[in-house]
């Protein structure tokens, strides 16, 4: 048995809505499917971020200036 879906109303910027409709046509997916996928991805990223914060909670913070110095020494900036 599939989970029942919930109906909601969202308000989109007109250009965003147009792009979403075009992507829907191009991908053969409904606008609802695309929005559900985007929300799932955003929530998954949030979960990953929270997990990373939890994993690093005991690390000693590095001042911004120190981080910039390290990046310069490593040739990354």
N, C-alpha and C. Protein backbone atom coordinates (compact mmCIF):
# COMPACT_ATOMS: atom_id res chain seq x y z
N UNK A 1 0.85 -1.18 0.00
CA UNK A 1 0.00 0.00 0.00
C UNK A 1 0.89 1.24 0.00
N UNK A 2 0.62 2.18 -0.88
CA UNK A 2 1.41 3.40 -0.95
C UNK A 2 0.95 4.41 0.08
N UNK A 3 1.88 5.27 0.46
CA UNK A 3 1.55 6.32 1.42
C UNK A 3 0.64 7.35 0.75
N UNK A 4 -0.40 7.78 1.44
CA UNK A 4 -1.23 8.82 0.85
C UNK A 4 -0.46 10.14 0.78
N UNK A 5 -0.67 10.87 -0.29
CA UNK A 5 0.02 12.15 -0.42
C UNK A 5 -0.80 13.24 0.25
N UNK A 6 -0.14 14.31 0.60
CA UNK A 6 -0.78 15.47 1.22
C UNK A 6 -0.78 16.61 0.22
N UNK A 7 -1.86 17.29 0.15
CA UNK A 7 -1.98 18.44 -0.75
C UNK A 7 -1.59 19.70 0.02
N UNK A 8 -0.84 20.58 -0.66
CA UNK A 8 -0.44 21.85 -0.06
C UNK A 8 -0.40 22.92 -1.13
N UNK A 9 -0.39 24.13 -0.71
CA UNK A 9 -0.28 25.26 -1.64
C UNK A 9 1.04 25.95 -1.39
N UNK A 10 1.79 26.15 -2.47
CA UNK A 10 3.03 26.92 -2.37
C UNK A 10 2.97 28.03 -3.42
N UNK A 11 3.67 29.10 -3.15
CA UNK A 11 3.72 30.21 -4.07
C UNK A 11 5.14 30.32 -4.60
N UNK A 12 5.27 30.24 -5.93
CA UNK A 12 6.57 30.27 -6.57
C UNK A 12 6.73 31.56 -7.36
N UNK A 13 7.96 32.01 -7.45
CA UNK A 13 8.31 33.11 -8.34
C UNK A 13 7.88 32.68 -9.75
N UNK A 14 7.30 33.57 -10.54
CA UNK A 14 6.83 33.18 -11.88
C UNK A 14 7.91 32.55 -12.77
N UNK A 15 9.12 33.09 -12.73
CA UNK A 15 10.19 32.52 -13.55
C UNK A 15 10.58 31.13 -13.06
N UNK A 16 10.59 30.95 -11.75
CA UNK A 16 10.89 29.63 -11.19
C UNK A 16 9.80 28.63 -11.57
N UNK A 17 8.56 29.06 -11.52
CA UNK A 17 7.45 28.18 -11.90
C UNK A 17 7.55 27.78 -13.37
N UNK A 18 7.88 28.74 -14.22
CA UNK A 18 8.04 28.45 -15.65
C UNK A 18 9.16 27.43 -15.87
N UNK A 19 10.30 27.65 -15.20
CA UNK A 19 11.43 26.72 -15.34
C UNK A 19 11.04 25.33 -14.84
N UNK A 20 10.29 25.28 -13.76
CA UNK A 20 9.86 24.00 -13.21
C UNK A 20 8.92 23.28 -14.17
N UNK A 21 8.00 24.02 -14.78
CA UNK A 21 7.09 23.41 -15.76
C UNK A 21 7.87 22.88 -16.96
N UNK A 22 8.85 23.66 -17.43
CA UNK A 22 9.66 23.21 -18.57
C UNK A 22 10.47 21.96 -18.22
N UNK A 23 11.02 21.94 -17.01
CA UNK A 23 11.78 20.76 -16.59
C UNK A 23 10.85 19.56 -16.47
N UNK A 24 9.63 19.80 -16.03
CA UNK A 24 8.64 18.74 -15.91
C UNK A 24 8.39 18.09 -17.27
N UNK A 25 8.22 18.93 -18.28
CA UNK A 25 7.99 18.42 -19.63
C UNK A 25 9.21 17.67 -20.13
N UNK A 26 10.38 18.26 -19.93
CA UNK A 26 11.62 17.68 -20.43
C UNK A 26 11.94 16.34 -19.75
N UNK A 27 11.62 16.23 -18.46
CA UNK A 27 11.98 15.03 -17.71
C UNK A 27 10.86 13.99 -17.64
N UNK A 28 9.70 14.35 -18.18
CA UNK A 28 8.51 13.48 -18.10
C UNK A 28 8.13 13.17 -16.66
N UNK A 29 8.37 14.12 -15.78
CA UNK A 29 7.97 14.00 -14.37
C UNK A 29 7.01 15.13 -14.07
N UNK A 30 6.12 14.89 -13.13
CA UNK A 30 5.18 15.95 -12.76
C UNK A 30 5.91 17.02 -11.94
N UNK A 31 5.31 18.19 -11.89
CA UNK A 31 5.85 19.26 -11.06
C UNK A 31 5.92 18.79 -9.61
N UNK A 32 4.91 18.06 -9.16
CA UNK A 32 4.91 17.54 -7.79
C UNK A 32 6.08 16.60 -7.55
N UNK A 33 6.37 15.73 -8.52
CA UNK A 33 7.51 14.83 -8.38
C UNK A 33 8.82 15.61 -8.26
N UNK A 34 8.97 16.63 -9.09
CA UNK A 34 10.19 17.43 -9.05
C UNK A 34 10.33 18.18 -7.73
N UNK A 35 9.23 18.74 -7.24
CA UNK A 35 9.28 19.46 -5.97
C UNK A 35 9.58 18.49 -4.83
N UNK A 36 8.94 17.31 -4.82
CA UNK A 36 9.23 16.31 -3.79
C UNK A 36 10.70 15.90 -3.81
N UNK A 37 11.26 15.69 -5.00
CA UNK A 37 12.67 15.32 -5.10
C UNK A 37 13.56 16.42 -4.55
N UNK A 38 13.26 17.67 -4.90
CA UNK A 38 14.07 18.79 -4.44
C UNK A 38 14.00 18.93 -2.92
N UNK A 39 12.83 18.76 -2.35
CA UNK A 39 12.68 18.86 -0.90
C UNK A 39 13.43 17.72 -0.22
N UNK A 40 13.31 16.50 -0.76
CA UNK A 40 14.05 15.36 -0.19
C UNK A 40 15.55 15.62 -0.20
N UNK A 41 16.06 16.13 -1.33
CA UNK A 41 17.49 16.41 -1.45
C UNK A 41 17.92 17.48 -0.44
N UNK A 42 17.12 18.52 -0.30
CA UNK A 42 17.45 19.59 0.65
C UNK A 42 17.47 19.06 2.07
N UNK A 43 16.49 18.24 2.42
CA UNK A 43 16.45 17.68 3.77
C UNK A 43 17.60 16.70 4.01
N UNK A 44 17.97 15.95 2.97
CA UNK A 44 19.11 15.03 3.10
C UNK A 44 20.40 15.81 3.33
N UNK A 45 20.55 16.94 2.62
CA UNK A 45 21.74 17.78 2.82
C UNK A 45 21.76 18.32 4.24
N UNK A 46 20.59 18.74 4.74
CA UNK A 46 20.52 19.22 6.12
C UNK A 46 20.93 18.13 7.10
N UNK A 47 20.46 16.91 6.84
CA UNK A 47 20.81 15.79 7.73
C UNK A 47 22.31 15.52 7.69
N UNK A 48 22.90 15.61 6.49
CA UNK A 48 24.36 15.42 6.37
C UNK A 48 25.10 16.51 7.13
N UNK A 49 24.64 17.75 6.99
CA UNK A 49 25.27 18.87 7.71
C UNK A 49 25.19 18.67 9.21
N UNK A 50 24.01 18.28 9.69
CA UNK A 50 23.85 18.06 11.14
C UNK A 50 24.76 16.94 11.63
N UNK A 51 24.88 15.89 10.83
CA UNK A 51 25.76 14.78 11.20
C UNK A 51 27.21 15.24 11.25
N UNK A 52 27.61 16.07 10.28
CA UNK A 52 28.98 16.59 10.26
C UNK A 52 29.23 17.49 11.47
N UNK A 53 28.26 18.32 11.83
CA UNK A 53 28.40 19.18 13.01
C UNK A 53 28.56 18.32 14.26
N UNK A 54 27.75 17.28 14.36
CA UNK A 54 27.82 16.39 15.53
C UNK A 54 29.18 15.70 15.59
N UNK A 55 29.66 15.25 14.44
CA UNK A 55 30.94 14.55 14.36
C UNK A 55 32.10 15.46 14.76
N UNK A 56 31.98 16.77 14.47
CA UNK A 56 33.08 17.69 14.70
C UNK A 56 32.89 18.56 15.94
N UNK A 57 31.88 18.25 16.76
CA UNK A 57 31.55 19.13 17.88
C UNK A 57 32.67 19.28 18.90
N UNK A 58 33.57 18.30 19.00
CA UNK A 58 34.64 18.37 19.99
C UNK A 58 35.93 18.98 19.44
N UNK A 59 35.93 19.36 18.16
CA UNK A 59 37.12 19.98 17.57
C UNK A 59 37.31 21.39 18.13
N UNK A 60 38.54 21.77 18.24
CA UNK A 60 38.86 23.12 18.70
C UNK A 60 38.66 24.08 17.53
N UNK A 61 37.89 25.14 17.72
CA UNK A 61 37.66 26.08 16.62
C UNK A 61 38.95 26.78 16.20
N UNK A 62 39.05 27.09 14.90
CA UNK A 62 40.20 27.79 14.35
C UNK A 62 39.75 29.20 14.00
N UNK A 63 40.47 30.21 14.49
CA UNK A 63 40.11 31.58 14.10
C UNK A 63 40.22 31.77 12.58
N UNK A 64 39.38 32.62 12.05
CA UNK A 64 39.35 32.87 10.61
C UNK A 64 40.73 33.22 10.06
N UNK A 65 41.43 34.10 10.74
CA UNK A 65 42.75 34.54 10.28
C UNK A 65 43.72 33.36 10.18
N UNK A 66 43.65 32.45 11.14
CA UNK A 66 44.50 31.26 11.13
C UNK A 66 44.16 30.37 9.94
N UNK A 67 42.88 30.23 9.66
CA UNK A 67 42.47 29.39 8.53
C UNK A 67 42.96 29.98 7.22
N UNK A 68 42.89 31.30 7.08
CA UNK A 68 43.39 31.95 5.87
C UNK A 68 44.89 31.72 5.73
N UNK A 69 45.63 31.82 6.82
CA UNK A 69 47.08 31.57 6.78
C UNK A 69 47.37 30.14 6.33
N UNK A 70 46.64 29.19 6.87
CA UNK A 70 46.83 27.78 6.49
C UNK A 70 46.54 27.57 5.01
N UNK A 71 45.46 28.16 4.52
CA UNK A 71 45.13 28.02 3.10
C UNK A 71 46.21 28.62 2.22
N UNK A 72 46.76 29.75 2.62
CA UNK A 72 47.85 30.37 1.85
C UNK A 72 49.09 29.49 1.86
N UNK A 73 49.44 28.96 3.04
CA UNK A 73 50.61 28.07 3.13
C UNK A 73 50.46 26.83 2.28
N UNK A 74 49.23 26.33 2.18
CA UNK A 74 48.98 25.14 1.40
C UNK A 74 48.79 25.45 -0.10
N UNK A 75 48.88 26.76 -0.45
CA UNK A 75 48.74 27.15 -1.83
C UNK A 75 47.31 27.03 -2.36
N UNK A 76 46.35 27.02 -1.46
CA UNK A 76 44.96 26.89 -1.90
C UNK A 76 44.30 28.23 -2.19
N UNK A 77 44.93 29.30 -1.70
CA UNK A 77 44.43 30.65 -2.05
C UNK A 77 45.62 31.55 -2.31
